[in-house]
Amino acid sequence: MLRSRRLALLCVAAPFWLAACSTITPSRNFDAGEAARSEQYTGRFAANYTRYGRSEGVQGSFRWEEQGRNVRLDLVSPLGQTLAVVTSTPSGATLDLPNEAPRNAPEVDSLMEQALGFSLPVSGMRDWLHGRPAAGRPASVTRDANGRPDTLKQNGWTVRYVAWQEPAEGAAQGAAQPRRIDMARDGNEAPLSVRLVIDPKSEQ
């Protein structure tokens, strides 16, 4: 039960404990041979999930970095302490937690759920953050009056684009960026919903 409440407990832990885990050094490097251009997003997240019959919730900020198929996701508590670092590459995935050995797997979703009680669909988010379905996988998309995705269903998730922001300076004309994304896992698995509010960003 304590493991399912890991992030919530970290957010309210004693200051001296938080100071000891304020940073996490990623143990997995990005794979070579991917696109050299890097994109970054920052913002806030809130996750609500059920585990062992209990409703849980956690919130904080995130930093997302992608380079081709390489992705790194940092989750940070409201007090500014790094709670977890997720690294996903074509060769595998790693979850780094404070004061624990790295956890490795072919993909990261199961790692997150086992350790933290909830998972983020990292492989899908690589495209969903750009307002598009992941290539090569079945998806259904509805669009708003401006032709932007309104609801996207893919990989067992429903993704709702609640708000949009103006394109970054230098971006392609009409390339609007999501501002708020609500995601909910479909099917018979334990309920899980995630809200992302993305900061405005400048073109890298």
N, C-alpha and C. Protein backbone atom coordinates (compact mmCIF):
# COMPACT_ATOMS: atom_id res chain seq x y z
N MET A 1 0.81 -1.20 0.00
CA MET A 1 0.00 0.00 0.00
C MET A 1 0.85 1.26 0.00
N LEU A 2 1.95 1.24 0.76
CA LEU A 2 2.81 2.40 0.81
C LEU A 2 3.40 2.72 -0.55
N ARG A 3 3.70 1.66 -1.34
CA ARG A 3 4.30 1.89 -2.65
C ARG A 3 3.33 2.62 -3.55
N SER A 4 2.03 2.34 -3.43
CA SER A 4 1.05 2.99 -4.29
C SER A 4 0.90 4.46 -3.97
N ARG A 5 1.38 4.87 -2.81
CA ARG A 5 1.26 6.27 -2.41
C ARG A 5 2.60 7.00 -2.47
N ARG A 6 3.55 6.43 -3.20
CA ARG A 6 4.92 6.95 -3.20
C ARG A 6 4.99 8.44 -3.51
N LEU A 7 4.37 8.87 -4.61
CA LEU A 7 4.53 10.26 -5.01
C LEU A 7 3.82 11.20 -4.05
N ALA A 8 2.64 10.80 -3.59
CA ALA A 8 1.94 11.66 -2.64
C ALA A 8 2.75 11.83 -1.36
N LEU A 9 3.38 10.77 -0.89
CA LEU A 9 4.18 10.86 0.32
C LEU A 9 5.42 11.71 0.09
N LEU A 10 6.04 11.57 -1.09
CA LEU A 10 7.21 12.37 -1.38
C LEU A 10 6.90 13.86 -1.37
N CYS A 11 5.70 14.20 -1.80
CA CYS A 11 5.34 15.61 -1.89
C CYS A 11 5.22 16.26 -0.52
N VAL A 12 4.98 15.46 0.53
CA VAL A 12 4.79 16.03 1.86
C VAL A 12 5.84 15.54 2.84
N ALA A 13 6.90 14.92 2.34
CA ALA A 13 7.94 14.40 3.22
C ALA A 13 8.67 15.54 3.90
N ALA A 14 9.41 15.20 4.95
CA ALA A 14 10.13 16.20 5.72
C ALA A 14 11.18 16.89 4.85
N PRO A 15 11.45 18.18 5.09
CA PRO A 15 12.39 18.91 4.24
C PRO A 15 13.77 18.27 4.17
N PHE A 16 14.28 17.72 5.26
CA PHE A 16 15.61 17.14 5.21
C PHE A 16 15.64 15.92 4.31
N TRP A 17 14.53 15.17 4.22
CA TRP A 17 14.46 14.01 3.33
C TRP A 17 14.43 14.47 1.89
N LEU A 18 13.63 15.54 1.63
CA LEU A 18 13.53 16.04 0.27
C LEU A 18 14.86 16.56 -0.23
N ALA A 19 15.63 17.18 0.64
CA ALA A 19 16.92 17.72 0.22
C ALA A 19 17.84 16.62 -0.27
N ALA A 20 17.67 15.41 0.27
CA ALA A 20 18.54 14.31 -0.11
C ALA A 20 18.22 13.76 -1.49
N CYS A 21 17.01 14.03 -2.01
CA CYS A 21 16.63 13.49 -3.31
C CYS A 21 16.20 14.60 -4.27
N SER A 22 16.82 15.77 -4.12
CA SER A 22 16.39 16.91 -4.92
C SER A 22 16.72 16.73 -6.40
N THR A 23 17.72 15.92 -6.71
CA THR A 23 18.07 15.68 -8.11
C THR A 23 18.27 14.19 -8.32
N ILE A 24 18.01 13.76 -9.54
CA ILE A 24 18.25 12.37 -9.94
C ILE A 24 19.04 12.41 -11.23
N THR A 25 20.16 11.72 -11.26
CA THR A 25 20.95 11.64 -12.48
C THR A 25 20.45 10.47 -13.33
N PRO A 26 19.97 10.72 -14.55
CA PRO A 26 19.48 9.62 -15.39
C PRO A 26 20.56 8.58 -15.62
N SER A 27 20.21 7.32 -15.49
CA SER A 27 21.19 6.25 -15.66
C SER A 27 21.24 5.72 -17.10
N ARG A 28 20.28 6.10 -17.93
CA ARG A 28 20.27 5.68 -19.33
C ARG A 28 20.55 6.88 -20.22
N ASN A 29 21.49 6.73 -21.13
CA ASN A 29 21.77 7.77 -22.12
C ASN A 29 20.85 7.62 -23.33
N PHE A 30 20.67 8.70 -24.05
CA PHE A 30 19.94 8.63 -25.31
C PHE A 30 20.71 7.75 -26.30
N ASP A 31 19.98 7.00 -27.11
CA ASP A 31 20.61 6.22 -28.17
C ASP A 31 21.19 7.15 -29.23
N ALA A 32 22.36 6.78 -29.73
CA ALA A 32 22.96 7.53 -30.83
C ALA A 32 22.22 7.22 -32.13
N GLY A 33 22.38 8.08 -33.10
CA GLY A 33 21.79 7.83 -34.41
C GLY A 33 20.41 8.41 -34.58
N GLU A 34 19.84 9.01 -33.52
CA GLU A 34 18.53 9.65 -33.64
C GLU A 34 18.71 11.09 -34.13
N ALA A 35 17.60 11.73 -34.45
CA ALA A 35 17.66 13.11 -34.95
C ALA A 35 18.39 13.99 -33.95
N ALA A 36 19.26 14.86 -34.48
CA ALA A 36 20.07 15.71 -33.59
C ALA A 36 19.23 16.81 -32.95
N ARG A 37 18.18 17.24 -33.61
CA ARG A 37 17.36 18.35 -33.10
C ARG A 37 16.55 17.89 -31.89
N SER A 38 16.60 18.68 -30.85
CA SER A 38 15.91 18.35 -29.61
C SER A 38 14.74 19.31 -29.39
N GLU A 39 13.61 18.80 -28.90
CA GLU A 39 12.48 19.63 -28.53
C GLU A 39 12.18 19.42 -27.06
N GLN A 40 11.73 20.48 -26.40
CA GLN A 40 11.45 20.40 -24.98
C GLN A 40 10.10 21.03 -24.68
N TYR A 41 9.42 20.45 -23.70
CA TYR A 41 8.17 20.99 -23.19
C TYR A 41 8.25 21.01 -21.67
N THR A 42 7.65 22.01 -21.07
CA THR A 42 7.49 22.03 -19.62
C THR A 42 6.04 22.34 -19.30
N GLY A 43 5.63 22.03 -18.10
CA GLY A 43 4.26 22.31 -17.71
C GLY A 43 3.92 21.65 -16.39
N ARG A 44 2.63 21.47 -16.17
CA ARG A 44 2.14 20.88 -14.93
C ARG A 44 1.31 19.64 -15.25
N PHE A 45 1.33 18.69 -14.32
CA PHE A 45 0.54 17.48 -14.50
C PHE A 45 -0.26 17.19 -13.24
N ALA A 46 -1.36 16.48 -13.43
CA ALA A 46 -2.15 15.95 -12.31
C ALA A 46 -2.66 14.59 -12.73
N ALA A 47 -2.46 13.59 -11.90
CA ALA A 47 -2.90 12.23 -12.20
C ALA A 47 -3.83 11.74 -11.10
N ASN A 48 -4.92 11.10 -11.51
CA ASN A 48 -5.84 10.46 -10.57
C ASN A 48 -5.99 9.01 -10.97
N TYR A 49 -5.85 8.12 -10.02
CA TYR A 49 -5.85 6.70 -10.32
C TYR A 49 -6.38 5.91 -9.13
N THR A 50 -6.69 4.65 -9.38
CA THR A 50 -7.19 3.75 -8.34
C THR A 50 -6.27 2.55 -8.24
N ARG A 51 -5.84 2.23 -7.02
CA ARG A 51 -5.00 1.07 -6.79
C ARG A 51 -5.40 0.42 -5.48
N TYR A 52 -5.55 -0.90 -5.54
CA TYR A 52 -5.99 -1.65 -4.36
C TYR A 52 -7.29 -1.08 -3.79
N GLY A 53 -8.16 -0.60 -4.71
CA GLY A 53 -9.46 -0.10 -4.29
C GLY A 53 -9.45 1.29 -3.70
N ARG A 54 -8.31 1.95 -3.69
CA ARG A 54 -8.21 3.29 -3.13
C ARG A 54 -7.99 4.31 -4.24
N SER A 55 -8.66 5.46 -4.12
CA SER A 55 -8.44 6.55 -5.06
C SER A 55 -7.21 7.34 -4.63
N GLU A 56 -6.30 7.56 -5.56
CA GLU A 56 -5.07 8.29 -5.28
C GLU A 56 -4.95 9.46 -6.26
N GLY A 57 -4.15 10.43 -5.89
CA GLY A 57 -3.91 11.57 -6.76
C GLY A 57 -2.54 12.15 -6.50
N VAL A 58 -1.93 12.67 -7.53
CA VAL A 58 -0.62 13.32 -7.40
C VAL A 58 -0.54 14.41 -8.44
N GLN A 59 0.19 15.47 -8.11
CA GLN A 59 0.36 16.56 -9.06
C GLN A 59 1.74 17.16 -8.90
N GLY A 60 2.13 17.93 -9.88
CA GLY A 60 3.44 18.56 -9.86
C GLY A 60 3.74 19.16 -11.21
N SER A 61 5.00 19.30 -11.52
CA SER A 61 5.41 19.83 -12.82
C SER A 61 6.20 18.77 -13.57
N PHE A 62 6.35 18.98 -14.86
CA PHE A 62 7.09 18.02 -15.68
C PHE A 62 7.99 18.76 -16.66
N ARG A 63 9.04 18.05 -17.07
CA ARG A 63 9.90 18.52 -18.15
C ARG A 63 10.05 17.36 -19.13
N TRP A 64 9.74 17.61 -20.38
CA TRP A 64 9.76 16.60 -21.44
C TRP A 64 10.81 17.00 -22.46
N GLU A 65 11.71 16.10 -22.79
CA GLU A 65 12.71 16.34 -23.83
C GLU A 65 12.68 15.18 -24.82
N GLU A 66 12.64 15.47 -26.09
CA GLU A 66 12.63 14.42 -27.10
C GLU A 66 13.69 14.72 -28.16
N GLN A 67 14.31 13.66 -28.64
CA GLN A 67 15.31 13.74 -29.70
C GLN A 67 15.09 12.52 -30.58
N GLY A 68 14.37 12.70 -31.68
CA GLY A 68 13.96 11.55 -32.48
C GLY A 68 13.06 10.66 -31.64
N ARG A 69 13.43 9.38 -31.53
CA ARG A 69 12.65 8.44 -30.71
C ARG A 69 13.13 8.38 -29.27
N ASN A 70 14.13 9.17 -28.92
CA ASN A 70 14.57 9.27 -27.53
C ASN A 70 13.68 10.24 -26.77
N VAL A 71 13.29 9.86 -25.56
CA VAL A 71 12.45 10.72 -24.73
C VAL A 71 12.95 10.69 -23.29
N ARG A 72 12.99 11.85 -22.66
CA ARG A 72 13.25 11.91 -21.22
C ARG A 72 12.17 12.74 -20.55
N LEU A 73 11.59 12.22 -19.48
CA LEU A 73 10.51 12.87 -18.76
C LEU A 73 10.89 12.98 -17.29
N ASP A 74 10.94 14.20 -16.78
CA ASP A 74 11.19 14.45 -15.36
C ASP A 74 9.87 14.83 -14.69
N LEU A 75 9.55 14.18 -13.58
CA LEU A 75 8.39 14.54 -12.77
C LEU A 75 8.89 15.19 -11.49
N VAL A 76 8.33 16.35 -11.17
CA VAL A 76 8.83 17.17 -10.07
C VAL A 76 7.68 17.49 -9.12
N SER A 77 7.94 17.42 -7.82
CA SER A 77 6.91 17.69 -6.82
C SER A 77 6.58 19.17 -6.77
N PRO A 78 5.46 19.54 -6.14
CA PRO A 78 5.15 20.97 -5.99
C PRO A 78 6.22 21.73 -5.21
N LEU A 79 7.03 21.03 -4.42
CA LEU A 79 8.12 21.67 -3.68
C LEU A 79 9.42 21.75 -4.48
N GLY A 80 9.38 21.30 -5.74
CA GLY A 80 10.54 21.44 -6.60
C GLY A 80 11.53 20.30 -6.55
N GLN A 81 11.16 19.17 -5.96
CA GLN A 81 12.06 18.03 -5.86
C GLN A 81 11.76 17.03 -6.98
N THR A 82 12.80 16.52 -7.62
CA THR A 82 12.61 15.53 -8.68
C THR A 82 12.13 14.22 -8.08
N LEU A 83 10.97 13.75 -8.52
CA LEU A 83 10.37 12.53 -7.99
C LEU A 83 10.76 11.30 -8.80
N ALA A 84 10.89 11.47 -10.11
CA ALA A 84 11.22 10.35 -10.99
C ALA A 84 11.72 10.88 -12.31
N VAL A 85 12.59 10.11 -12.94
CA VAL A 85 13.07 10.43 -14.28
C VAL A 85 12.83 9.20 -15.15
N VAL A 86 12.11 9.39 -16.23
CA VAL A 86 11.79 8.33 -17.18
C VAL A 86 12.62 8.57 -18.44
N THR A 87 13.33 7.55 -18.89
CA THR A 87 14.08 7.64 -20.15
C THR A 87 13.64 6.50 -21.04
N SER A 88 13.15 6.83 -22.22
CA SER A 88 12.68 5.83 -23.18
C SER A 88 13.43 6.01 -24.48
N THR A 89 14.07 4.94 -24.96
CA THR A 89 14.84 4.97 -26.20
C THR A 89 14.47 3.74 -27.03
N PRO A 90 14.87 3.68 -28.30
CA PRO A 90 14.60 2.48 -29.09
C PRO A 90 15.18 1.21 -28.49
N SER A 91 16.24 1.32 -27.69
CA SER A 91 16.88 0.13 -27.13
C SER A 91 16.32 -0.29 -25.78
N GLY A 92 15.41 0.52 -25.19
CA GLY A 92 14.85 0.14 -23.90
C GLY A 92 14.42 1.35 -23.10
N ALA A 93 13.97 1.10 -21.88
CA ALA A 93 13.45 2.17 -21.03
C ALA A 93 13.97 1.99 -19.62
N THR A 94 14.14 3.12 -18.92
CA THR A 94 14.62 3.11 -17.54
C THR A 94 13.82 4.09 -16.71
N LEU A 95 13.49 3.67 -15.50
CA LEU A 95 12.85 4.53 -14.51
C LEU A 95 13.83 4.72 -13.36
N ASP A 96 14.22 5.97 -13.12
CA ASP A 96 15.11 6.31 -12.01
C ASP A 96 14.31 6.98 -10.91
N LEU A 97 14.43 6.45 -9.69
CA LEU A 97 13.73 6.94 -8.51
C LEU A 97 14.74 7.34 -7.45
N PRO A 98 14.35 8.21 -6.52
CA PRO A 98 15.29 8.61 -5.46
C PRO A 98 15.74 7.41 -4.63
N ASN A 99 17.04 7.31 -4.41
CA ASN A 99 17.61 6.33 -3.48
C ASN A 99 17.27 4.88 -3.82
N GLU A 100 17.05 4.59 -5.10
CA GLU A 100 16.77 3.22 -5.54
C GLU A 100 17.59 2.91 -6.79
N ALA A 101 17.83 1.63 -6.99
CA ALA A 101 18.52 1.21 -8.21
C ALA A 101 17.63 1.47 -9.42
N PRO A 102 18.20 1.77 -10.57
CA PRO A 102 17.40 1.98 -11.78
C PRO A 102 16.58 0.74 -12.12
N ARG A 103 15.39 0.97 -12.68
CA ARG A 103 14.52 -0.12 -13.13
C ARG A 103 14.50 -0.07 -14.66
N ASN A 104 14.75 -1.21 -15.29
CA ASN A 104 14.85 -1.28 -16.75
C ASN A 104 13.80 -2.23 -17.30
N ALA A 105 13.32 -1.92 -18.50
CA ALA A 105 12.33 -2.77 -19.18
C ALA A 105 12.31 -2.38 -20.65
N PRO A 106 11.71 -3.22 -21.51
CA PRO A 106 11.61 -2.85 -22.93
C PRO A 106 10.80 -1.58 -23.14
N GLU A 107 9.78 -1.34 -22.32
CA GLU A 107 9.00 -0.12 -22.41
C GLU A 107 8.71 0.37 -20.99
N VAL A 108 8.30 1.64 -20.89
CA VAL A 108 8.32 2.29 -19.59
C VAL A 108 6.98 2.28 -18.86
N ASP A 109 5.86 2.10 -19.57
CA ASP A 109 4.55 2.23 -18.93
C ASP A 109 4.39 1.29 -17.75
N SER A 110 4.76 0.01 -17.93
CA SER A 110 4.61 -0.95 -16.85
C SER A 110 5.54 -0.63 -15.69
N LEU A 111 6.74 -0.12 -15.98
CA LEU A 111 7.65 0.27 -14.92
C LEU A 111 7.03 1.33 -14.02
N MET A 112 6.44 2.34 -14.63
CA MET A 112 5.86 3.42 -13.87
C MET A 112 4.71 2.94 -13.00
N GLU A 113 3.86 2.11 -13.58
CA GLU A 113 2.69 1.67 -12.82
C GLU A 113 3.09 0.80 -11.64
N GLN A 114 4.07 -0.08 -11.84
CA GLN A 114 4.51 -0.94 -10.75
C GLN A 114 5.12 -0.14 -9.61
N ALA A 115 5.90 0.89 -9.95
CA ALA A 115 6.64 1.63 -8.93
C ALA A 115 5.85 2.79 -8.34
N LEU A 116 5.05 3.47 -9.16
CA LEU A 116 4.41 4.70 -8.74
C LEU A 116 2.91 4.61 -8.58
N GLY A 117 2.31 3.57 -9.12
CA GLY A 117 0.86 3.44 -9.02
C GLY A 117 0.12 3.95 -10.24
N PHE A 118 0.78 4.72 -11.09
CA PHE A 118 0.15 5.20 -12.32
C PHE A 118 1.22 5.24 -13.41
N SER A 119 0.77 5.29 -14.64
CA SER A 119 1.71 5.36 -15.76
C SER A 119 1.28 6.48 -16.70
N LEU A 120 2.25 7.00 -17.42
CA LEU A 120 1.98 7.94 -18.50
C LEU A 120 2.30 7.23 -19.81
N PRO A 121 1.46 7.40 -20.82
CA PRO A 121 1.68 6.72 -22.10
C PRO A 121 2.78 7.39 -22.91
N VAL A 122 4.03 7.16 -22.49
CA VAL A 122 5.16 7.91 -23.05
C VAL A 122 5.28 7.73 -24.56
N SER A 123 5.12 6.49 -25.04
CA SER A 123 5.29 6.27 -26.48
C SER A 123 4.26 7.05 -27.29
N GLY A 124 3.02 7.11 -26.82
CA GLY A 124 2.00 7.87 -27.53
C GLY A 124 2.18 9.37 -27.39
N MET A 125 2.61 9.80 -26.20
CA MET A 125 2.76 11.23 -25.95
C MET A 125 3.75 11.89 -26.88
N ARG A 126 4.70 11.13 -27.39
CA ARG A 126 5.68 11.70 -28.31
C ARG A 126 4.98 12.36 -29.50
N ASP A 127 3.85 11.82 -29.93
CA ASP A 127 3.07 12.43 -31.02
C ASP A 127 1.91 13.25 -30.50
N TRP A 128 1.27 12.80 -29.42
CA TRP A 128 0.09 13.51 -28.93
C TRP A 128 0.42 14.93 -28.48
N LEU A 129 1.62 15.15 -27.97
CA LEU A 129 2.02 16.50 -27.59
C LEU A 129 2.10 17.43 -28.79
N HIS A 130 2.23 16.86 -29.98
CA HIS A 130 2.24 17.64 -31.22
C HIS A 130 0.85 17.71 -31.85
N GLY A 131 -0.15 17.14 -31.19
CA GLY A 131 -1.51 17.20 -31.72
C GLY A 131 -1.75 16.26 -32.88
N ARG A 132 -1.13 15.07 -32.85
CA ARG A 132 -1.30 14.12 -33.95
C ARG A 132 -1.27 12.71 -33.39
N PRO A 133 -1.90 11.74 -34.08
CA PRO A 133 -1.81 10.35 -33.65
C PRO A 133 -0.44 9.78 -33.98
N ALA A 134 -0.04 8.76 -33.23
CA ALA A 134 1.23 8.08 -33.51
C ALA A 134 1.11 7.33 -34.83
N ALA A 135 2.13 7.42 -35.65
CA ALA A 135 2.11 6.78 -36.96
C ALA A 135 2.12 5.27 -36.84
N GLY A 136 1.42 4.62 -37.78
CA GLY A 136 1.47 3.17 -37.87
C GLY A 136 0.59 2.43 -36.87
N ARG A 137 -0.27 3.14 -36.13
CA ARG A 137 -1.14 2.51 -35.16
C ARG A 137 -2.57 3.00 -35.37
N PRO A 138 -3.55 2.12 -35.25
CA PRO A 138 -4.94 2.54 -35.46
C PRO A 138 -5.33 3.69 -34.53
N ALA A 139 -6.05 4.63 -35.06
CA ALA A 139 -6.48 5.78 -34.27
C ALA A 139 -7.74 6.36 -34.86
N SER A 140 -8.56 6.97 -34.02
CA SER A 140 -9.71 7.73 -34.49
C SER A 140 -9.58 9.15 -33.95
N VAL A 141 -9.88 10.12 -34.81
CA VAL A 141 -9.69 11.53 -34.46
C VAL A 141 -10.93 12.32 -34.84
N THR A 142 -11.43 13.14 -33.93
CA THR A 142 -12.44 14.14 -34.27
C THR A 142 -11.77 15.50 -34.20
N ARG A 143 -12.29 16.45 -34.99
CA ARG A 143 -11.64 17.76 -35.08
C ARG A 143 -12.63 18.88 -34.78
N ASP A 144 -12.06 20.00 -34.32
CA ASP A 144 -12.90 21.16 -34.01
C ASP A 144 -13.13 21.99 -35.26
N ALA A 145 -13.78 23.14 -35.09
CA ALA A 145 -14.14 23.97 -36.24
C ALA A 145 -12.92 24.51 -36.96
N ASN A 146 -11.76 24.54 -36.28
CA ASN A 146 -10.53 25.04 -36.90
C ASN A 146 -9.69 23.92 -37.50
N GLY A 147 -10.22 22.69 -37.49
CA GLY A 147 -9.49 21.58 -38.06
C GLY A 147 -8.47 20.96 -37.14
N ARG A 148 -8.40 21.42 -35.89
CA ARG A 148 -7.45 20.87 -34.94
C ARG A 148 -8.06 19.65 -34.25
N PRO A 149 -7.24 18.70 -33.82
CA PRO A 149 -7.78 17.54 -33.11
C PRO A 149 -8.57 17.97 -31.87
N ASP A 150 -9.72 17.39 -31.70
CA ASP A 150 -10.56 17.64 -30.53
C ASP A 150 -10.47 16.44 -29.58
N THR A 151 -10.68 15.24 -30.13
CA THR A 151 -10.55 14.00 -29.37
C THR A 151 -9.80 12.99 -30.22
N LEU A 152 -8.84 12.33 -29.60
CA LEU A 152 -8.02 11.33 -30.28
C LEU A 152 -8.07 10.05 -29.45
N LYS A 153 -8.37 8.93 -30.09
CA LYS A 153 -8.39 7.64 -29.40
C LYS A 153 -7.34 6.73 -30.03
N GLN A 154 -6.42 6.25 -29.21
CA GLN A 154 -5.33 5.42 -29.72
C GLN A 154 -4.66 4.68 -28.55
N ASN A 155 -4.21 3.47 -28.82
CA ASN A 155 -3.43 2.70 -27.85
C ASN A 155 -4.13 2.53 -26.50
N GLY A 156 -5.48 2.47 -26.53
CA GLY A 156 -6.21 2.29 -25.28
C GLY A 156 -6.40 3.55 -24.47
N TRP A 157 -6.16 4.71 -25.06
CA TRP A 157 -6.32 5.98 -24.37
C TRP A 157 -7.26 6.89 -25.16
N THR A 158 -8.00 7.72 -24.44
CA THR A 158 -8.75 8.81 -25.04
C THR A 158 -8.07 10.11 -24.67
N VAL A 159 -7.68 10.87 -25.68
CA VAL A 159 -6.93 12.11 -25.50
C VAL A 159 -7.83 13.26 -25.93
N ARG A 160 -8.08 14.20 -25.02
CA ARG A 160 -8.93 15.35 -25.32
C ARG A 160 -8.08 16.62 -25.30
N TYR A 161 -8.15 17.36 -26.39
CA TYR A 161 -7.42 18.62 -26.49
C TYR A 161 -8.35 19.74 -26.03
N VAL A 162 -8.17 20.12 -24.78
CA VAL A 162 -9.10 21.06 -24.13
C VAL A 162 -8.82 22.50 -24.53
N ALA A 163 -7.54 22.84 -24.72
CA ALA A 163 -7.18 24.22 -25.06
C ALA A 163 -5.93 24.21 -25.93
N TRP A 164 -5.82 25.25 -26.76
CA TRP A 164 -4.67 25.40 -27.66
C TRP A 164 -4.02 26.74 -27.42
N GLN A 165 -2.76 26.88 -27.86
CA GLN A 165 -2.05 28.13 -27.76
C GLN A 165 -1.48 28.50 -29.12
N GLU A 166 -1.09 29.74 -29.24
CA GLU A 166 -0.56 30.22 -30.51
C GLU A 166 0.77 29.52 -30.82
N PRO A 167 1.09 29.34 -32.11
CA PRO A 167 2.37 28.71 -32.47
C PRO A 167 3.55 29.50 -31.93
N ALA A 168 4.64 28.78 -31.64
CA ALA A 168 5.87 29.44 -31.22
C ALA A 168 6.41 30.30 -32.36
N GLU A 169 7.13 31.34 -32.01
CA GLU A 169 7.73 32.20 -33.03
C GLU A 169 8.66 31.38 -33.91
N GLY A 170 8.48 31.49 -35.21
CA GLY A 170 9.32 30.75 -36.14
C GLY A 170 8.72 29.41 -36.54
N ALA A 171 7.61 28.99 -35.88
CA ALA A 171 6.99 27.72 -36.23
C ALA A 171 6.25 27.85 -37.55
N ALA A 172 5.94 26.71 -38.16
CA ALA A 172 5.21 26.71 -39.42
C ALA A 172 3.85 27.38 -39.23
N GLN A 173 3.41 28.10 -40.25
CA GLN A 173 2.14 28.80 -40.17
C GLN A 173 1.02 27.80 -39.90
N GLY A 174 0.18 28.15 -38.92
CA GLY A 174 -0.95 27.30 -38.58
C GLY A 174 -0.61 26.15 -37.66
N ALA A 175 0.67 26.03 -37.23
CA ALA A 175 1.07 24.91 -36.38
C ALA A 175 0.76 25.22 -34.93
N ALA A 176 -0.52 25.23 -34.59
CA ALA A 176 -0.94 25.51 -33.22
C ALA A 176 -0.43 24.42 -32.28
N GLN A 177 -0.18 24.80 -31.03
CA GLN A 177 0.34 23.87 -30.04
C GLN A 177 -0.69 23.63 -28.95
N PRO A 178 -0.82 22.37 -28.47
CA PRO A 178 -1.75 22.12 -27.36
C PRO A 178 -1.35 22.92 -26.12
N ARG A 179 -2.35 23.39 -25.42
CA ARG A 179 -2.13 24.08 -24.14
C ARG A 179 -2.55 23.19 -22.97
N ARG A 180 -3.70 22.53 -23.11
CA ARG A 180 -4.13 21.58 -22.09
C ARG A 180 -4.60 20.30 -22.76
N ILE A 181 -4.14 19.17 -22.24
CA ILE A 181 -4.51 17.85 -22.75
C ILE A 181 -5.00 17.01 -21.59
N ASP A 182 -6.18 16.42 -21.72
CA ASP A 182 -6.71 15.48 -20.74
C ASP A 182 -6.67 14.08 -21.34
N MET A 183 -6.09 13.13 -20.61
CA MET A 183 -5.97 11.76 -21.09
C MET A 183 -6.63 10.81 -20.10
N ALA A 184 -7.35 9.84 -20.61
CA ALA A 184 -7.98 8.82 -19.77
C ALA A 184 -7.77 7.46 -20.40
N ARG A 185 -7.40 6.50 -19.56
CA ARG A 185 -7.17 5.14 -20.06
C ARG A 185 -8.50 4.43 -20.23
N ASP A 186 -8.68 3.78 -21.37
CA ASP A 186 -9.92 3.07 -21.69
C ASP A 186 -9.85 1.64 -21.19
N GLY A 187 -10.97 0.93 -21.31
CA GLY A 187 -10.98 -0.51 -21.05
C GLY A 187 -11.22 -0.86 -19.60
N ASN A 188 -10.84 -2.09 -19.25
CA ASN A 188 -11.15 -2.65 -17.95
C ASN A 188 -10.01 -2.52 -16.94
N GLU A 189 -8.92 -1.84 -17.31
CA GLU A 189 -7.83 -1.65 -16.37
C GLU A 189 -8.25 -0.66 -15.28
N ALA A 190 -7.44 -0.58 -14.22
CA ALA A 190 -7.74 0.35 -13.14
C ALA A 190 -7.90 1.76 -13.70
N PRO A 191 -8.92 2.51 -13.25
CA PRO A 191 -9.14 3.86 -13.78
C PRO A 191 -7.90 4.73 -13.63
N LEU A 192 -7.62 5.52 -14.65
CA LEU A 192 -6.47 6.40 -14.65
C LEU A 192 -6.75 7.58 -15.56
N SER A 193 -6.58 8.78 -15.04
CA SER A 193 -6.73 9.98 -15.85
C SER A 193 -5.57 10.92 -15.54
N VAL A 194 -5.13 11.63 -16.56
CA VAL A 194 -3.98 12.53 -16.44
C VAL A 194 -4.32 13.84 -17.13
N ARG A 195 -4.03 14.95 -16.46
CA ARG A 195 -4.19 16.27 -17.07
C ARG A 195 -2.82 16.90 -17.23
N LEU A 196 -2.54 17.42 -18.43
CA LEU A 196 -1.30 18.14 -18.71
C LEU A 196 -1.63 19.57 -19.10
N VAL A 197 -0.97 20.53 -18.48
CA VAL A 197 -1.05 21.93 -18.89
C VAL A 197 0.34 22.32 -19.34
N ILE A 198 0.48 22.66 -20.60
CA ILE A 198 1.79 22.85 -21.22
C ILE A 198 2.12 24.34 -21.29
N ASP A 199 3.34 24.67 -20.86
CA ASP A 199 3.78 26.06 -20.91
C ASP A 199 4.00 26.49 -22.36
N PRO A 200 3.78 27.77 -22.66
CA PRO A 200 4.19 28.28 -23.98
C PRO A 200 5.69 28.08 -24.14
N LYS A 201 6.11 27.77 -25.37
CA LYS A 201 7.55 27.54 -25.60
C LYS A 201 7.99 28.25 -26.86
N SER A 202 9.26 28.56 -26.89
CA SER A 202 9.87 29.14 -28.08
C SER A 202 10.37 28.04 -28.96
N GLU A 203 10.40 28.27 -30.25
CA GLU A 203 10.91 27.27 -31.19
C GLU A 203 12.37 27.02 -30.89
N GLN A 204 12.75 25.71 -30.82
CA GLN A 204 14.13 25.34 -30.50
C GLN A 204 15.00 25.49 -31.74
